Amino acid sequence: MRLDWRAVFGIALSVFLLWFTLRGVDLREVWEILAGSNAWLWAACTITATAIFPLRARRWRAILAPLAGRLPFAPLWHATAIGMMVNNVFPARAGELARAFALSRERREVRFTAAFASLAVDRLFDGVVVLLLMLLATLDPRFPADATILGATAAGIAATAGLVLGGVAVALAMLAYAPGAVIGLV
């Protein structure tokens, strides 16, 4: 196997970032914590976190379909993996820019602006799912009714989340069924 300059650069960058992350950390303490952890749960977490990447790539393909047709899975997978890697290294979700850029470079028919806008829709879906999960958690009878989060009660959180979810659902339905009216309104 022959290494080109990009592979060498990637390995060197990985070693540097690993050193940067672990500088000043007692590695014996890290090893003790890892040795005391549940290996099966650690493996399940790793597998689940990795399995999300192809799911994100498939969802992104569905979002991009009206703009670019049915894109092959491979470029979407590559761009998603690059974006997640950049998110792990750089702050402020910079990986989303890298993800859109990587796809627009690999698939010339997808403009960067379209890829980036589709990621905004992707993040909107993520936000809706998080709100839905929060709503479901607060509606569970075992959730303490007198619990407060930043001064708001569980019932207040559930009502607000329900209103936000309803508003997002109406906005998305209007955008899907009457895009001209929504564009005119905006």
Protein backbone atom coordinates (compact mmCIF):
# COMPACT_ATOMS: atom_id res chain seq x y z
CA MET A 1 0.00 0.00 0.00
CA ARG A 2 1.42 3.35 -1.08
CA LEU A 3 0.62 6.50 0.92
CA ASP A 4 0.07 9.72 -0.97
CA TRP A 5 0.55 13.15 0.58
CA ARG A 6 -3.12 13.39 1.66
CA ALA A 7 -2.91 10.14 3.63
CA VAL A 8 0.32 11.23 5.31
CA PHE A 9 -1.21 14.63 6.09
CA GLY A 10 -4.33 12.96 7.54
CA ILE A 11 -2.28 10.67 9.76
CA ALA A 12 -0.06 13.54 10.91
CA LEU A 13 -3.11 15.72 11.64
CA SER A 14 -4.74 12.87 13.61
CA VAL A 15 -1.59 12.33 15.69
CA PHE A 16 -1.28 16.08 16.36
CA LEU A 17 -4.93 16.46 17.36
CA LEU A 18 -4.74 13.39 19.60
CA TRP A 19 -1.68 14.86 21.31
CA PHE A 20 -3.39 18.27 21.58
CA THR A 21 -6.49 16.70 23.15
CA LEU A 22 -4.59 14.55 25.64
CA ARG A 23 -1.87 16.98 26.70
CA GLY A 24 -1.91 17.38 30.48
CA VAL A 25 -4.16 14.33 30.95
CA ASP A 26 -3.05 11.47 33.18
CA LEU A 27 -3.26 8.47 30.84
CA ARG A 28 -3.29 6.01 33.77
CA GLU A 29 -6.45 7.67 35.07
CA VAL A 30 -8.03 7.48 31.62
CA TRP A 31 -7.12 3.77 31.40
CA GLU A 32 -8.62 3.09 34.86
CA ILE A 33 -11.88 4.75 33.85
CA LEU A 34 -12.00 2.82 30.57
CA ALA A 35 -11.16 -0.47 32.32
CA GLY A 36 -14.05 0.09 34.73
CA SER A 37 -16.58 0.82 32.00
CA ASN A 38 -19.05 -1.65 30.52
CA ALA A 39 -17.48 -2.88 27.27
CA TRP A 40 -20.83 -3.98 25.81
CA LEU A 41 -22.41 -0.56 26.38
CA TRP A 42 -19.32 1.14 24.98
CA ALA A 43 -19.48 -1.05 21.84
CA ALA A 44 -23.24 -0.48 21.47
CA CYS A 45 -22.72 3.28 21.76
CA THR A 46 -19.94 3.23 19.17
CA ILE A 47 -21.98 1.14 16.73
CA THR A 48 -25.07 3.31 17.17
CA ALA A 49 -23.14 6.55 16.73
CA THR A 50 -21.51 5.21 13.56
CA ALA A 51 -24.75 3.80 12.17
CA ILE A 52 -26.25 7.28 12.20
CA PHE A 53 -23.95 8.38 9.35
CA PRO A 54 -25.55 6.26 6.61
CA LEU A 55 -29.00 7.19 7.93
CA ARG A 56 -28.09 10.87 7.65
CA ALA A 57 -26.80 10.31 4.11
CA ARG A 58 -30.07 8.61 3.08
CA ARG A 59 -32.16 11.38 4.64
CA TRP A 60 -30.03 13.97 2.89
CA ARG A 61 -30.61 12.20 -0.43
CA ALA A 62 -34.38 12.51 0.10
CA ILE A 63 -34.06 16.21 0.91
CA LEU A 64 -31.90 16.85 -2.17
CA ALA A 65 -34.06 14.75 -4.53
CA PRO A 66 -36.21 17.67 -5.80
CA LEU A 67 -33.05 19.61 -6.70
CA ALA A 68 -30.65 16.95 -7.94
CA GLY A 69 -32.67 13.82 -8.59
CA ARG A 70 -31.72 10.55 -6.96
CA LEU A 71 -28.05 10.99 -6.10
CA PRO A 72 -25.84 7.94 -5.62
CA PHE A 73 -25.27 6.98 -2.01
CA ALA A 74 -21.44 7.07 -2.11
CA PRO A 75 -20.94 10.86 -2.54
CA LEU A 76 -23.55 11.56 0.13
CA TRP A 77 -21.81 9.11 2.48
CA HIS A 78 -18.40 10.67 1.79
CA ALA A 79 -19.67 14.22 2.37
CA THR A 80 -21.50 13.17 5.56
CA ALA A 81 -18.41 11.44 6.96
CA ILE A 82 -16.25 14.49 6.12
CA GLY A 83 -18.77 16.83 7.75
CA MET A 84 -18.97 14.78 10.94
CA MET A 85 -15.18 14.59 11.13
CA VAL A 86 -14.90 18.37 10.77
CA ASN A 87 -17.60 18.82 13.45
CA ASN A 88 -15.43 16.75 15.81
CA VAL A 89 -12.40 18.96 15.20
CA PHE A 90 -13.73 22.50 14.66
CA PRO A 91 -16.26 24.54 16.64
CA ALA A 92 -19.55 26.11 15.58
CA ARG A 93 -20.78 23.15 13.50
CA ALA A 94 -18.27 24.03 10.76
CA GLY A 95 -18.71 20.49 9.49
CA GLU A 96 -21.99 21.48 7.88
CA LEU A 97 -20.11 23.86 5.58
CA ALA A 98 -17.55 21.13 4.87
CA ARG A 99 -20.33 18.62 4.19
CA ALA A 100 -22.02 20.90 1.65
CA PHE A 101 -18.67 21.81 0.07
CA ALA A 102 -17.58 18.16 -0.22
CA LEU A 103 -20.82 17.17 -1.95
CA SER A 104 -20.74 20.13 -4.34
CA ARG A 105 -17.15 19.24 -5.28
CA GLU A 106 -17.90 15.56 -5.87
CA ARG A 107 -21.25 16.08 -7.63
CA ARG A 108 -21.02 19.14 -9.87
CA GLU A 109 -24.80 19.21 -10.49
CA VAL A 110 -25.35 20.08 -6.81
CA ARG A 111 -24.50 23.71 -6.15
CA PHE A 112 -22.93 24.58 -2.79
CA THR A 113 -25.81 26.91 -1.91
CA ALA A 114 -28.38 24.18 -2.61
CA ALA A 115 -26.42 21.64 -0.56
CA PHE A 116 -26.07 24.09 2.32
CA ALA A 117 -29.76 25.04 2.23
CA SER A 118 -30.68 21.35 2.27
CA LEU A 119 -28.60 20.97 5.42
CA ALA A 120 -30.61 23.77 7.02
CA VAL A 121 -33.73 21.68 6.31
CA ASP A 122 -31.91 18.63 7.71
CA ARG A 123 -31.14 20.51 10.92
CA LEU A 124 -34.75 21.68 11.12
CA PHE A 125 -35.86 18.05 11.07
CA ASP A 126 -33.31 17.27 13.79
CA GLY A 127 -34.70 20.09 15.91
CA VAL A 128 -38.26 18.85 15.46
CA VAL A 129 -37.22 15.36 16.55
CA VAL A 130 -35.45 16.71 19.64
CA LEU A 131 -38.52 18.77 20.56
CA LEU A 132 -40.74 15.74 20.02
CA LEU A 133 -38.53 13.61 22.28
CA MET A 134 -38.60 16.33 24.93
CA LEU A 135 -42.38 16.56 24.64
CA LEU A 136 -42.74 12.80 25.03
CA ALA A 137 -40.43 12.78 28.06
CA THR A 138 -42.37 15.54 29.82
CA LEU A 139 -45.69 13.77 29.16
CA ASP A 140 -44.51 10.56 30.82
CA PRO A 141 -46.45 10.10 34.10
CA ARG A 142 -43.17 9.32 35.88
CA PHE A 143 -41.81 12.75 34.96
CA PRO A 144 -42.15 14.91 38.09
CA ALA A 145 -44.96 17.40 37.52
CA ASP A 146 -43.37 19.98 39.78
CA ALA A 147 -39.99 19.78 38.04
CA THR A 148 -38.73 23.01 36.59
CA ILE A 149 -36.19 23.63 33.88
CA LEU A 150 -34.96 27.22 33.78
CA GLY A 151 -38.05 28.21 35.77
CA ALA A 152 -40.60 26.50 33.49
CA THR A 153 -42.78 23.58 34.63
CA ALA A 154 -43.04 20.28 32.78
CA ALA A 155 -46.58 21.15 31.69
CA GLY A 156 -45.40 24.49 30.35
CA ILE A 157 -42.54 22.87 28.49
CA ALA A 158 -44.87 20.26 26.99
CA ALA A 159 -47.39 22.92 25.90
CA THR A 160 -44.68 25.10 24.36
CA ALA A 161 -43.05 22.14 22.60
CA GLY A 162 -46.46 21.10 21.26
CA LEU A 163 -47.11 24.60 19.90
CA VAL A 164 -43.66 24.80 18.32
CA LEU A 165 -44.06 21.35 16.74
CA GLY A 166 -47.50 22.27 15.45
CA GLY A 167 -46.20 25.54 13.99
CA VAL A 168 -43.27 23.81 12.31
CA ALA A 169 -45.58 21.12 10.90
CA VAL A 170 -47.93 23.77 9.47
CA ALA A 171 -45.01 25.75 8.01
CA LEU A 172 -43.50 22.64 6.41
CA ALA A 173 -46.88 21.58 5.00
CA MET A 174 -47.42 25.05 3.54
CA LEU A 175 -43.94 25.00 2.03
CA ALA A 176 -44.56 21.58 0.50
CA TYR A 177 -48.07 22.22 -0.83
CA ALA A 178 -48.01 25.94 -1.61
CA PRO A 179 -44.39 27.02 -2.16
CA GLY A 180 -45.40 30.01 -4.29
CA ALA A 181 -47.58 31.46 -1.55
CA VAL A 182 -44.87 30.97 1.07
CA ILE A 183 -42.24 32.62 -1.15
CA GLY A 184 -44.63 35.51 -1.80
CA LEU A 185 -45.28 35.85 1.94
CA VAL A 186 -41.57 35.85 2.74
